[in-house]
Amino acid sequence: MTQEKKSTYLDAGVDIEKGDSLVDKIKNLTKNLPKNGMLGAIGNFGGLVEISGYKNPILVSGTDGVGTKLKLASLLNKHDTIGIDLVAMCVNDVITSGAKPLYFLDYFATGKLSIETAENVIKGIVKGCEEAECPLIGGETAEMPGFYEKADYDLAGFSVGIVEKENLLDGSKININDLLIALPSSGVHSNGFSLVRNVLEEKDLIKYGDILLTPTKIYWKEIKPLLQKNIIHGISHITGGGIIGNASRMLPNNSNLSLLVNKKSIKINEIFKIIQKNGNIDEDEMYKVFNMGVGMVIAINSNDLDYVLSHIKGSYLIGKVITGKKEVVFEQ
C-alpha cells in the first residue's frame, strides 16, 4: 500500500523558517534606533512603550501606505528607499497635530518572501525611523501565495505620536493674517503614481526612475525646534489631493477662515513639468493630484517669519490666512 504524501505549509508556498530568519535580521537592523520608552524587543506579540514625563498626554495615530510607487520600485528592482516613504507618509501626518513621533510599526505582505527584498525594505524603514527619531517596535510579515504574484508585495505603516494637550495643534491657534510657509518637497513623494505610470511610458519611468523614487521627505527634525518654541499655529501635510485638498485641513471645523495661496510663488519641481508635458495634463488637475513641490504648509505669526525662513532650509512665504469658508484660494 502506497503511503500518501503529507502536505506541509511549505508545499502551499509559505516558508515559516524564512520568515523567522527575517525577524532576526530586523532585530539586528533596529538595535540602534531611539527607544522612546520602548520595553522588550521585536518578536513579542505586542510592542510595549512606557509613557513618562507628560502631564496630560494626547496620543496621535496615523496609518498609510506607499501606493503604486511600489510598482516603480519593482520595475527598477530598487527597494531600499521605499521604506522611508512608508515612515514619512505616516509620521508627517502625525506631526501635523504637533506630536512627537513615539513609535512605528509596519506590515509587509508578499506572494513569496524574498529575504533580500524584504531586508532592503526594512533598511529603508529603519532609515525613516532614524529621521523621525522613533523606534520600530514591531510589525507583521505575511506570505500570501495565490493572493499576490510571487515577487509582488504591499506595505502599510502605523505611527503613534504624543503631545501635551495644551500644545495640541487643532486649528484653534490660527488667526487671520497668519503667514503660510511652504516647506519644499523632495519630489513626487508617494501620491499620484497611478497617474504617473499612466502618462509615462516604461522607458521614461526607467529614465526618470531615480528622481521618481526619491523618498518622501520626513519633516520632523525641521518642525521639532519650532514646536518647542510654540511658533507653529497649524500644519498641513500635502499628500494626495495636493495643496487644494490638503492645505485647508489645518483649519478648525466650521471655520470662517481660508488660505490665500500665491500660486506664482510656488517653486515647482522639474519632475512635475515633465509629467504634465508627457501627459498633456491640465494645470488644475496637476494641483489636485500632486504636491507640486510643496511637502508641508505651516501657519505662523508674521513676527516669526525671519526666524522660520532662516531655520528651515528652502522654506519660503506662500500666502496668508484670510476670512472665508475653510478652503484654498489661489491668488493668481
C-alpha atoms as a PDB file:
ATOM      1  CA  MET A   1       0.000   0.000   0.000  1.00  0.00           C
ATOM      2  CA  THR A   2       1.456   3.362  -1.086  1.00  0.00           C
ATOM      3  CA  GLN A   3       1.764   5.903   1.690  1.00  0.00           C
ATOM      4  CA  GLU A   4       0.204   9.236   0.760  1.00  0.00           C
ATOM      5  CA  LYS A   5       2.493  12.278   0.828  1.00  0.00           C
ATOM      6  CA  LYS A   6       1.790  14.560   3.764  1.00  0.00           C
ATOM      7  CA  SER A   7       1.138  18.193   2.917  1.00  0.00           C
ATOM      8  CA  THR A   8       3.067  20.993   4.585  1.00  0.00           C
ATOM      9  CA  TYR A   9       2.765  24.757   4.813  1.00  0.00           C
ATOM     10  CA  LEU A  10       5.888  24.978   2.640  1.00  0.00           C
ATOM     11  CA  ASP A  11       4.108  22.965  -0.074  1.00  0.00           C
ATOM     12  CA  ALA A  12       1.403  25.638  -0.005  1.00  0.00           C
ATOM     13  CA  GLY A  13       4.011  28.341  -0.570  1.00  0.00           C
ATOM     14  CA  VAL A  14       4.634  29.655   2.959  1.00  0.00           C
ATOM     15  CA  ASP A  15       8.133  29.317   4.392  1.00  0.00           C
ATOM     16  CA  ILE A  16       7.945  29.743   8.179  1.00  0.00           C
ATOM     17  CA  GLU A  17      11.700  29.365   8.699  1.00  0.00           C
ATOM     18  CA  LYS A  18      12.426  32.093   6.154  1.00  0.00           C
ATOM     19  CA  GLY A  19      10.010  34.395   7.984  1.00  0.00           C
ATOM     20  CA  ASP A  20      11.743  33.669  11.275  1.00  0.00           C
ATOM     21  CA  SER A  21      15.135  34.476   9.768  1.00  0.00           C
ATOM     22  CA  LEU A  22      13.778  37.848   8.570  1.00  0.00           C
ATOM     23  CA  VAL A  23      12.667  38.675  12.122  1.00  0.00           C
ATOM     24  CA  ASP A  24      16.231  38.043  13.320  1.00  0.00           C
ATOM     25  CA  LYS A  25      17.555  40.414  10.661  1.00  0.00           C
ATOM     26  CA  ILE A  26      15.027  43.072  11.691  1.00  0.00           C
ATOM     27  CA  LYS A  27      16.131  42.810  15.330  1.00  0.00           C
ATOM     28  CA  ASN A  28      19.708  43.477  14.260  1.00  0.00           C
ATOM     29  CA  LEU A  29      18.798  46.365  11.941  1.00  0.00           C
ATOM     30  CA  THR A  30      16.739  48.165  14.593  1.00  0.00           C
ATOM     31  CA  LYS A  31      19.003  47.767  17.617  1.00  0.00           C
ATOM     32  CA  ASN A  32      20.411  51.311  17.411  1.00  0.00           C
ATOM     33  CA  LEU A  33      17.115  53.167  16.928  1.00  0.00           C
ATOM     34  CA  PRO A  34      15.862  55.517  19.680  1.00  0.00           C
ATOM     35  CA  LYS A  35      13.846  53.682  22.343  1.00  0.00           C
ATOM     36  CA  ASN A  36      11.321  56.400  23.353  1.00  0.00           C
ATOM     37  CA  GLY A  37      10.211  54.279  26.307  1.00  0.00           C
ATOM     38  CA  MET A  38      10.146  51.006  24.339  1.00  0.00           C
ATOM     39  CA  LEU A  39      10.080  47.907  26.561  1.00  0.00           C
ATOM     40  CA  GLY A  40      11.018  44.403  25.470  1.00  0.00           C
ATOM     41  CA  ALA A  41      12.123  43.581  21.943  1.00  0.00           C
ATOM     42  CA  ILE A  42      10.774  42.960  18.461  1.00  0.00           C
ATOM     43  CA  GLY A  43       9.253  39.497  18.270  1.00  0.00           C
ATOM     44  CA  ASN A  44       6.788  39.764  21.142  1.00  0.00           C
ATOM     45  CA  PHE A  45       3.064  39.546  20.416  1.00  0.00           C
ATOM     46  CA  GLY A  46       2.682  43.253  21.152  1.00  0.00           C
ATOM     47  CA  GLY A  47       5.024  46.230  21.213  1.00  0.00           C
ATOM     48  CA  LEU A  48       5.345  47.881  24.609  1.00  0.00           C
ATOM     49  CA  VAL A  49       6.058  51.566  25.205  1.00  0.00           C
ATOM     50  CA  GLU A  50       6.139  53.282  28.590  1.00  0.00           C
ATOM     51  CA  ILE A  51       4.936  56.901  28.667  1.00  0.00           C
ATOM     52  CA  SER A  52       6.539  59.266  31.158  1.00  0.00           C
ATOM     53  CA  GLY A  53       7.275  62.974  31.523  1.00  0.00           C
ATOM     54  CA  TYR A  54       3.855  64.180  30.357  1.00  0.00           C
ATOM     55  CA  LYS A  55       1.098  65.824  32.409  1.00  0.00           C
ATOM     56  CA  ASN A  56      -1.834  65.460  30.008  1.00  0.00           C
ATOM     57  CA  PRO A  57      -0.581  63.375  27.084  1.00  0.00           C
ATOM     58  CA  ILE A  58      -2.566  63.057  23.874  1.00  0.00           C
ATOM     59  CA  LEU A  59      -1.759  60.132  21.586  1.00  0.00           C
ATOM     60  CA  VAL A  60      -1.974  60.842  17.854  1.00  0.00           C
ATOM     61  CA  SER A  61      -2.120  57.901  15.450  1.00  0.00           C
ATOM     62  CA  GLY A  62      -1.747  57.612  11.698  1.00  0.00           C
ATOM     63  CA  THR A  63      -1.637  54.868   9.098  1.00  0.00           C
ATOM     64  CA  ASP A  64      -0.788  54.886   5.401  1.00  0.00           C
ATOM     65  CA  GLY A  65       0.865  53.005   2.581  1.00  0.00           C
ATOM     66  CA  VAL A  66       3.052  53.825  -0.398  1.00  0.00           C
ATOM     67  CA  GLY A  67       0.560  53.167  -3.175  1.00  0.00           C
ATOM     68  CA  THR A  68       1.613  52.201  -6.680  1.00  0.00           C
ATOM     69  CA  LYS A  69       5.062  53.709  -6.188  1.00  0.00           C
ATOM     70  CA  LEU A  70       5.766  50.078  -5.256  1.00  0.00           C
ATOM     71  CA  LYS A  71       5.292  49.174  -8.934  1.00  0.00           C
ATOM     72  CA  LEU A  72       8.117  51.511  -9.883  1.00  0.00           C
ATOM     73  CA  ALA A  73      10.366  50.091  -7.153  1.00  0.00           C
ATOM     74  CA  SER A  74       9.750  46.620  -8.593  1.00  0.00           C
ATOM     75  CA  LEU A  75      10.312  47.782 -12.174  1.00  0.00           C
ATOM     76  CA  LEU A  76      13.721  49.217 -11.226  1.00  0.00           C
ATOM     77  CA  ASN A  77      14.440  46.468  -8.686  1.00  0.00           C
ATOM     78  CA  LYS A  78      15.282  49.153  -6.132  1.00  0.00           C
ATOM     79  CA  HIS A  79      13.681  48.574  -2.737  1.00  0.00           C
ATOM     80  CA  ASP A  80      15.958  50.334  -0.244  1.00  0.00           C
ATOM     81  CA  THR A  81      14.166  53.710  -0.197  1.00  0.00           C
ATOM     82  CA  ILE A  82      10.503  52.698  -0.307  1.00  0.00           C
ATOM     83  CA  GLY A  83      10.533  52.054   3.449  1.00  0.00           C
ATOM     84  CA  ILE A  84      11.493  55.691   4.026  1.00  0.00           C
ATOM     85  CA  ASP A  85       8.350  56.646   2.108  1.00  0.00           C
ATOM     86  CA  LEU A  86       6.292  54.401   4.354  1.00  0.00           C
ATOM     87  CA  VAL A  87       7.540  56.030   7.551  1.00  0.00           C
ATOM     88  CA  ALA A  88       7.245  59.514   6.066  1.00  0.00           C
ATOM     89  CA  MET A  89       3.634  59.150   4.976  1.00  0.00           C
ATOM     90  CA  CYS A  90       2.596  58.159   8.494  1.00  0.00           C
ATOM     91  CA  VAL A  91       4.903  60.336  10.606  1.00  0.00           C
ATOM     92  CA  ASN A  92       4.276  63.505   8.589  1.00  0.00           C
ATOM     93  CA  ASP A  93       0.551  63.093   9.254  1.00  0.00           C
ATOM     94  CA  VAL A  94       1.117  62.607  12.981  1.00  0.00           C
ATOM     95  CA  ILE A  95       3.290  65.700  13.418  1.00  0.00           C
ATOM     96  CA  THR A  96       0.597  67.951  11.911  1.00  0.00           C
ATOM     97  CA  SER A  97      -1.024  67.745  15.373  1.00  0.00           C
ATOM     98  CA  GLY A  98       2.195  68.946  16.981  1.00  0.00           C
ATOM     99  CA  ALA A  99       3.010  65.432  18.149  1.00  0.00           C
ATOM    100  CA  LYS A 100       6.427  63.886  18.614  1.00  0.00           C
ATOM    101  CA  PRO A 101       6.689  60.512  16.809  1.00  0.00           C
ATOM    102  CA  LEU A 102       6.623  57.913  19.591  1.00  0.00           C
ATOM    103  CA  TYR A 103       6.869  54.626  17.680  1.00  0.00           C
ATOM    104  CA  PHE A 104       6.255  52.936  14.334  1.00  0.00           C
ATOM    105  CA  LEU A 105       5.006  49.542  13.132  1.00  0.00           C
ATOM    106  CA  ASP A 106       4.930  48.044   9.647  1.00  0.00           C
ATOM    107  CA  TYR A 107       3.015  45.417   7.671  1.00  0.00           C
ATOM    108  CA  PHE A 108       4.758  43.648   4.781  1.00  0.00           C
ATOM    109  CA  ALA A 109       2.708  41.262   2.618  1.00  0.00           C
ATOM    110  CA  THR A 110       4.011  39.320  -0.382  1.00  0.00           C
ATOM    111  CA  GLY A 111       3.296  36.353  -2.613  1.00  0.00           C
ATOM    112  CA  LYS A 112       6.660  34.718  -1.950  1.00  0.00           C
ATOM    113  CA  LEU A 113       9.045  36.073   0.645  1.00  0.00           C
ATOM    114  CA  SER A 114      12.369  37.279  -0.714  1.00  0.00           C
ATOM    115  CA  ILE A 115      14.726  37.888   2.196  1.00  0.00           C
ATOM    116  CA  GLU A 116      16.828  40.251   0.070  1.00  0.00           C
ATOM    117  CA  THR A 117      13.863  42.408  -0.980  1.00  0.00           C
ATOM    118  CA  ALA A 118      12.306  42.422   2.476  1.00  0.00           C
ATOM    119  CA  GLU A 119      15.607  43.285   4.140  1.00  0.00           C
ATOM    120  CA  ASN A 120      16.115  46.223   1.765  1.00  0.00           C
ATOM    121  CA  VAL A 121      12.607  47.462   2.507  1.00  0.00           C
ATOM    122  CA  ILE A 122      13.240  47.194   6.258  1.00  0.00           C
ATOM    123  CA  LYS A 123      16.539  49.065   5.871  1.00  0.00           C
ATOM    124  CA  GLY A 124      14.530  51.933   4.410  1.00  0.00           C
ATOM    125  CA  ILE A 125      12.046  51.776   7.265  1.00  0.00           C
ATOM    126  CA  VAL A 126      14.933  51.931   9.751  1.00  0.00           C
ATOM    127  CA  LYS A 127      16.373  54.987   7.965  1.00  0.00           C
ATOM    128  CA  GLY A 128      12.945  56.594   8.121  1.00  0.00           C
ATOM    129  CA  CYS A 129      12.654  55.861  11.824  1.00  0.00           C
ATOM    130  CA  GLU A 130      16.089  57.401  12.361  1.00  0.00           C
ATOM    131  CA  GLU A 131      14.886  60.591  10.647  1.00  0.00           C
ATOM    132  CA  ALA A 132      11.699  60.522  12.725  1.00  0.00           C
ATOM    133  CA  GLU A 133      13.665  59.773  15.911  1.00  0.00           C
ATOM    134  CA  CYS A 134      11.400  56.895  16.872  1.00  0.00           C
ATOM    135  CA  PRO A 135      11.732  53.119  17.268  1.00  0.00           C
ATOM    136  CA  LEU A 136      10.294  50.386  15.077  1.00  0.00           C
ATOM    137  CA  ILE A 137       8.617  48.384  17.839  1.00  0.00           C
ATOM    138  CA  GLY A 138       7.123  45.573  15.770  1.00  0.00           C
ATOM    139  CA  GLY A 139       5.149  44.633  12.692  1.00  0.00           C
ATOM    140  CA  GLU A 140       3.910  41.754  10.591  1.00  0.00           C
ATOM    141  CA  THR A 141       5.292  39.823   7.640  1.00  0.00           C
ATOM    142  CA  ALA A 142       2.674  37.903   5.678  1.00  0.00           C
ATOM    143  CA  GLU A 143       3.455  35.418   2.900  1.00  0.00           C
ATOM    144  CA  MET A 144       0.265  35.060   0.868  1.00  0.00           C
ATOM    145  CA  PRO A 145       0.700  32.832  -2.215  1.00  0.00           C
ATOM    146  CA  GLY A 146      -2.248  32.976  -4.559  1.00  0.00           C
ATOM    147  CA  PHE A 147      -3.223  36.434  -3.363  1.00  0.00           C
ATOM    148  CA  TYR A 148      -0.126  38.302  -4.561  1.00  0.00           C
ATOM    149  CA  GLU A 149       2.064  37.370  -7.503  1.00  0.00           C
ATOM    150  CA  LYS A 150       5.358  35.862  -6.298  1.00  0.00           C
ATOM    151  CA  ALA A 151       7.517  38.993  -6.482  1.00  0.00           C
ATOM    152  CA  ASP A 152       4.771  41.482  -5.622  1.00  0.00           C
ATOM    153  CA  TYR A 153       4.485  42.987  -2.178  1.00  0.00           C
ATOM    154  CA  ASP A 154       2.459  45.621  -0.369  1.00  0.00           C
ATOM    155  CA  LEU A 155       3.271  47.798   2.609  1.00  0.00           C
ATOM    156  CA  ALA A 156       1.318  49.526   5.344  1.00  0.00           C
ATOM    157  CA  GLY A 157       2.668  51.621   8.172  1.00  0.00           C
ATOM    158  CA  PHE A 158       1.333  52.664  11.548  1.00  0.00           C
ATOM    159  CA  SER A 159       2.669  55.573  13.573  1.00  0.00           C
ATOM    160  CA  VAL A 160       1.770  56.877  17.018  1.00  0.00           C
ATOM    161  CA  GLY A 161       2.877  60.266  18.312  1.00  0.00           C
ATOM    162  CA  ILE A 162       2.476  62.081  21.618  1.00  0.00           C
ATOM    163  CA  VAL A 163       1.827  65.707  22.556  1.00  0.00           C
ATOM    164  CA  GLU A 164       0.890  67.640  25.680  1.00  0.00           C
ATOM    165  CA  LYS A 165      -2.791  68.569  25.473  1.00  0.00           C
ATOM    166  CA  GLU A 166      -2.006  72.282  25.835  1.00  0.00           C
ATOM    167  CA  ASN A 167       0.340  72.085  22.824  1.00  0.00           C
ATOM    168  CA  LEU A 168      -2.038  70.205  20.526  1.00  0.00           C
ATOM    169  CA  LEU A 169      -2.379  71.805  17.074  1.00  0.00           C
ATOM    170  CA  ASP A 170      -6.105  71.603  16.359  1.00  0.00           C
ATOM    171  CA  GLY A 171      -6.579  74.824  14.386  1.00  0.00           C
ATOM    172  CA  SER A 172      -7.600  76.940  17.360  1.00  0.00           C
ATOM    173  CA  LYS A 173      -4.293  78.858  17.316  1.00  0.00           C
ATOM    174  CA  ILE A 174      -4.657  80.000  13.686  1.00  0.00           C
ATOM    175  CA  ASN A 175      -5.568  83.658  13.189  1.00  0.00           C
ATOM    176  CA  ILE A 176      -6.417  85.958  10.301  1.00  0.00           C
ATOM    177  CA  ASN A 177      -3.227  87.322   8.695  1.00  0.00           C
ATOM    178  CA  ASP A 178      -1.092  84.423   9.916  1.00  0.00           C
ATOM    179  CA  LEU A 179       1.511  83.738   7.257  1.00  0.00           C
ATOM    180  CA  LEU A 180       1.742  80.485   5.297  1.00  0.00           C
ATOM    181  CA  ILE A 181       5.195  78.986   4.819  1.00  0.00           C
ATOM    182  CA  ALA A 182       5.932  76.300   2.231  1.00  0.00           C
ATOM    183  CA  LEU A 183       8.353  73.517   3.131  1.00  0.00           C
ATOM    184  CA  PRO A 184       9.744  72.094  -0.114  1.00  0.00           C
ATOM    185  CA  SER A 185       9.029  68.515  -1.091  1.00  0.00           C
ATOM    186  CA  SER A 186      11.748  66.129  -2.235  1.00  0.00           C
ATOM    187  CA  GLY A 187       9.760  65.285  -5.354  1.00  0.00           C
ATOM    188  CA  VAL A 188       6.561  63.382  -6.108  1.00  0.00           C
ATOM    189  CA  HIS A 189       6.668  61.803  -2.624  1.00  0.00           C
ATOM    190  CA  SER A 190       4.165  58.891  -2.529  1.00  0.00           C
ATOM    191  CA  ASN A 191       1.000  60.172  -4.177  1.00  0.00           C
ATOM    192  CA  GLY A 192      -0.217  60.295  -7.761  1.00  0.00           C
ATOM    193  CA  PHE A 193       1.819  57.375  -9.083  1.00  0.00           C
ATOM    194  CA  SER A 194      -1.159  55.789 -10.806  1.00  0.00           C
ATOM    195  CA  LEU A 195      -1.306  58.910 -12.987  1.00  0.00           C
ATOM    196  CA  VAL A 196       2.486  58.999 -13.360  1.00  0.00           C
ATOM    197  CA  ARG A 197       2.519  55.401 -14.565  1.00  0.00           C
ATOM    198  CA  ASN A 198      -0.401  56.124 -16.876  1.00  0.00           C
ATOM    199  CA  VAL A 199       1.237  59.046 -18.692  1.00  0.00           C
ATOM    200  CA  LEU A 200       4.883  57.951 -18.743  1.00  0.00           C
ATOM    201  CA  GLU A 201       5.990  55.040 -20.924  1.00  0.00           C
ATOM    202  CA  GLU A 202       8.147  52.354 -19.336  1.00  0.00           C
ATOM    203  CA  LYS A 203      11.291  53.761 -20.955  1.00  0.00           C
ATOM    204  CA  ASP A 204      10.566  57.147 -19.345  1.00  0.00           C
ATOM    205  CA  LEU A 205       9.802  55.561 -15.974  1.00  0.00           C
ATOM    206  CA  ILE A 206      13.244  53.970 -16.183  1.00  0.00           C
ATOM    207  CA  LYS A 207      14.852  57.208 -17.437  1.00  0.00           C
ATOM    208  CA  TYR A 208      13.439  59.265 -14.563  1.00  0.00           C
ATOM    209  CA  GLY A 209      13.335  56.366 -12.148  1.00  0.00           C
ATOM    210  CA  ASP A 210      15.865  57.680  -9.635  1.00  0.00           C
ATOM    211  CA  ILE A 211      14.068  61.031  -9.457  1.00  0.00           C
ATOM    212  CA  LEU A 212      10.652  59.416  -9.125  1.00  0.00           C
ATOM    213  CA  LEU A 213      11.893  57.045  -6.404  1.00  0.00           C
ATOM    214  CA  THR A 214      13.378  59.867  -4.329  1.00  0.00           C
ATOM    215  CA  PRO A 215      11.852  59.107  -0.930  1.00  0.00           C
ATOM    216  CA  THR A 216       9.229  61.283   0.721  1.00  0.00           C
ATOM    217  CA  LYS A 217      10.835  63.881   2.958  1.00  0.00           C
ATOM    218  CA  ILE A 218      10.360  63.423   6.695  1.00  0.00           C
ATOM    219  CA  TYR A 219       9.866  66.843   8.286  1.00  0.00           C
ATOM    220  CA  TRP A 220      10.178  66.024  11.980  1.00  0.00           C
ATOM    221  CA  LYS A 221      13.689  67.377  12.594  1.00  0.00           C
ATOM    222  CA  GLU A 222      12.790  70.683  10.930  1.00  0.00           C
ATOM    223  CA  ILE A 223       9.446  71.018  12.664  1.00  0.00           C
ATOM    224  CA  LYS A 224      10.625  69.961  16.152  1.00  0.00           C
ATOM    225  CA  PRO A 225      12.507  73.152  17.175  1.00  0.00           C
ATOM    226  CA  LEU A 226       9.601  75.316  16.002  1.00  0.00           C
ATOM    227  CA  LEU A 227       7.175  73.264  18.091  1.00  0.00           C
ATOM    228  CA  GLN A 228       9.442  73.590  21.096  1.00  0.00           C
ATOM    229  CA  LYS A 229       9.248  77.377  20.740  1.00  0.00           C
ATOM    230  CA  ASN A 230       5.447  77.288  20.166  1.00  0.00           C
ATOM    231  CA  ILE A 231       5.938  79.133  16.893  1.00  0.00           C
ATOM    232  CA  ILE A 232       3.657  76.980  14.732  1.00  0.00           C
ATOM    233  CA  HIS A 233      -0.097  77.660  14.697  1.00  0.00           C
ATOM    234  CA  GLY A 234      -1.024  74.974  12.163  1.00  0.00           C
ATOM    235  CA  ILE A 235       0.483  72.348   9.854  1.00  0.00           C
ATOM    236  CA  SER A 236      -0.797  70.663   6.699  1.00  0.00           C
ATOM    237  CA  HIS A 237       0.859  67.646   5.087  1.00  0.00           C
ATOM    238  CA  ILE A 238       0.436  67.946   1.312  1.00  0.00           C
ATOM    239  CA  THR A 239      -0.387  64.444   0.079  1.00  0.00           C
ATOM    240  CA  GLY A 240      -2.963  63.041  -2.364  1.00  0.00           C
ATOM    241  CA  GLY A 241      -5.243  65.904  -3.332  1.00  0.00           C
ATOM    242  CA  GLY A 242      -2.379  68.367  -3.464  1.00  0.00           C
ATOM    243  CA  ILE A 243      -2.418  71.842  -1.959  1.00  0.00           C
ATOM    244  CA  ILE A 244      -6.080  72.284  -2.873  1.00  0.00           C
ATOM    245  CA  GLY A 245      -7.229  69.196  -0.998  1.00  0.00           C
ATOM    246  CA  ASN A 246      -4.903  69.344   1.995  1.00  0.00           C
ATOM    247  CA  ALA A 247      -3.711  72.815   2.984  1.00  0.00           C
ATOM    248  CA  SER A 248      -7.026  73.932   4.491  1.00  0.00           C
ATOM    249  CA  ARG A 249      -7.211  70.815   6.676  1.00  0.00           C
ATOM    250  CA  MET A 250      -5.152  72.672   9.297  1.00  0.00           C
ATOM    251  CA  LEU A 251      -8.159  74.946   9.870  1.00  0.00           C
ATOM    252  CA  PRO A 252     -10.779  74.023  12.512  1.00  0.00           C
ATOM    253  CA  ASN A 253     -14.184  72.643  11.509  1.00  0.00           C
ATOM    254  CA  ASN A 254     -16.892  75.259  10.837  1.00  0.00           C
ATOM    255  CA  SER A 255     -14.056  77.725  10.324  1.00  0.00           C
ATOM    256  CA  ASN A 256     -14.611  81.231   8.980  1.00  0.00           C
ATOM    257  CA  LEU A 257     -11.040  81.188   7.710  1.00  0.00           C
ATOM    258  CA  SER A 258      -9.457  80.284   4.368  1.00  0.00           C
ATOM    259  CA  LEU A 259      -5.934  80.120   2.985  1.00  0.00           C
ATOM    260  CA  LEU A 260      -4.874  82.575   0.317  1.00  0.00           C
ATOM    261  CA  VAL A 261      -2.018  80.997  -1.636  1.00  0.00           C
ATOM    262  CA  ASN A 262       0.102  82.876  -4.163  1.00  0.00           C
ATOM    263  CA  LYS A 263       0.305  80.361  -6.989  1.00  0.00           C
ATOM    264  CA  LYS A 264       3.157  82.185  -8.712  1.00  0.00           C
ATOM    265  CA  SER A 265       5.330  81.837  -5.612  1.00  0.00           C
ATOM    266  CA  ILE A 266       5.251  78.031  -5.707  1.00  0.00           C
ATOM    267  CA  LYS A 267       8.638  76.573  -6.627  1.00  0.00           C
ATOM    268  CA  ILE A 268       7.564  73.696  -8.860  1.00  0.00           C
ATOM    269  CA  ASN A 269       9.873  70.659  -9.036  1.00  0.00           C
ATOM    270  CA  GLU A 270      11.065  69.968 -12.585  1.00  0.00           C
ATOM    271  CA  ILE A 271       9.694  66.407 -12.496  1.00  0.00           C
ATOM    272  CA  PHE A 272       6.128  67.767 -12.342  1.00  0.00           C
ATOM    273  CA  LYS A 273       6.709  69.769 -15.529  1.00  0.00           C
ATOM    274  CA  ILE A 274       7.903  66.579 -17.226  1.00  0.00           C
ATOM    275  CA  ILE A 275       4.851  64.633 -16.054  1.00  0.00           C
ATOM    276  CA  GLN A 276       2.479  67.409 -17.109  1.00  0.00           C
ATOM    277  CA  LYS A 277       4.031  67.748 -20.572  1.00  0.00           C
ATOM    278  CA  ASN A 278       4.130  63.999 -21.263  1.00  0.00           C
ATOM    279  CA  GLY A 279       0.535  63.500 -20.176  1.00  0.00           C
ATOM    280  CA  ASN A 280      -0.907  66.752 -21.527  1.00  0.00           C
ATOM    281  CA  ILE A 281      -2.389  67.309 -18.075  1.00  0.00           C
ATOM    282  CA  ASP A 282      -4.308  70.475 -17.213  1.00  0.00           C
ATOM    283  CA  GLU A 283      -2.707  72.682 -14.566  1.00  0.00           C
ATOM    284  CA  ASP A 284      -5.788  72.416 -12.334  1.00  0.00           C
ATOM    285  CA  GLU A 285      -5.528  68.631 -12.441  1.00  0.00           C
ATOM    286  CA  MET A 286      -1.832  68.768 -11.522  1.00  0.00           C
ATOM    287  CA  TYR A 287      -2.608  70.854  -8.444  1.00  0.00           C
ATOM    288  CA  LYS A 288      -5.412  68.483  -7.443  1.00  0.00           C
ATOM    289  CA  VAL A 289      -3.186  65.389  -7.644  1.00  0.00           C
ATOM    290  CA  PHE A 290       0.412  66.328  -6.836  1.00  0.00           C
ATOM    291  CA  ASN A 291       2.235  68.334  -4.175  1.00  0.00           C
ATOM    292  CA  MET A 292       3.872  70.392  -6.970  1.00  0.00           C
ATOM    293  CA  GLY A 293       6.971  70.982  -4.842  1.00  0.00           C
ATOM    294  CA  VAL A 294       5.293  71.808  -1.520  1.00  0.00           C
ATOM    295  CA  GLY A 295       5.524  68.997   1.027  1.00  0.00           C
ATOM    296  CA  MET A 296       4.116  70.862   4.007  1.00  0.00           C
ATOM    297  CA  VAL A 297       2.477  74.196   4.746  1.00  0.00           C
ATOM    298  CA  ILE A 298       2.772  75.775   8.189  1.00  0.00           C
ATOM    299  CA  ALA A 299       0.910  78.787   9.608  1.00  0.00           C
ATOM    300  CA  ILE A 300       2.857  81.222  11.790  1.00  0.00           C
ATOM    301  CA  ASN A 301       2.645  84.728  13.211  1.00  0.00           C
ATOM    302  CA  SER A 302       4.226  87.326  10.933  1.00  0.00           C
ATOM    303  CA  ASN A 303       6.683  88.235  13.713  1.00  0.00           C
ATOM    304  CA  ASP A 304       8.271  84.784  13.378  1.00  0.00           C
ATOM    305  CA  LEU A 305       8.792  84.901   9.607  1.00  0.00           C
ATOM    306  CA  ASP A 306      12.513  85.665   9.573  1.00  0.00           C
ATOM    307  CA  TYR A 307      13.271  83.053  12.227  1.00  0.00           C
ATOM    308  CA  VAL A 308      11.405  80.290  10.378  1.00  0.00           C
ATOM    309  CA  LEU A 309      12.891  81.096   6.976  1.00  0.00           C
ATOM    310  CA  SER A 310      16.391  81.096   8.441  1.00  0.00           C
ATOM    311  CA  HIS A 311      15.929  77.802  10.297  1.00  0.00           C
ATOM    312  CA  ILE A 312      14.152  75.681   7.664  1.00  0.00           C
ATOM    313  CA  LYS A 313      16.281  75.299   4.567  1.00  0.00           C
ATOM    314  CA  GLY A 314      14.457  76.133   1.356  1.00  0.00           C
ATOM    315  CA  SER A 315      11.283  77.336   3.076  1.00  0.00           C
ATOM    316  CA  TYR A 316       9.502  80.367   1.645  1.00  0.00           C
ATOM    317  CA  LEU A 317       6.401  82.535   2.031  1.00  0.00           C
ATOM    318  CA  ILE A 318       3.470  81.195   0.067  1.00  0.00           C
ATOM    319  CA  GLY A 319       0.425  83.082   1.354  1.00  0.00           C
ATOM    320  CA  LYS A 320      -1.646  84.067   4.366  1.00  0.00           C
ATOM    321  CA  VAL A 321      -4.805  83.269   6.329  1.00  0.00           C
ATOM    322  CA  ILE A 322      -7.909  85.246   5.345  1.00  0.00           C
ATOM    323  CA  THR A 323     -11.628  85.160   6.115  1.00  0.00           C
ATOM    324  CA  GLY A 324     -13.518  82.534   4.165  1.00  0.00           C
ATOM    325  CA  LYS A 325     -15.086  79.076   4.163  1.00  0.00           C
ATOM    326  CA  LYS A 326     -12.228  76.702   5.005  1.00  0.00           C
ATOM    327  CA  GLU A 327     -10.795  76.442   1.525  1.00  0.00           C
ATOM    328  CA  VAL A 328      -7.713  77.247  -0.506  1.00  0.00           C
ATOM    329  CA  VAL A 329      -7.993  80.342  -2.660  1.00  0.00           C
ATOM    330  CA  PHE A 330      -5.309  80.792  -5.292  1.00  0.00           C
ATOM    331  CA  GLU A 331      -4.022  84.306  -5.816  1.00  0.00           C
ATOM    332  CA  GLN A 332      -3.011  84.394  -9.463  1.00  0.00           C
END
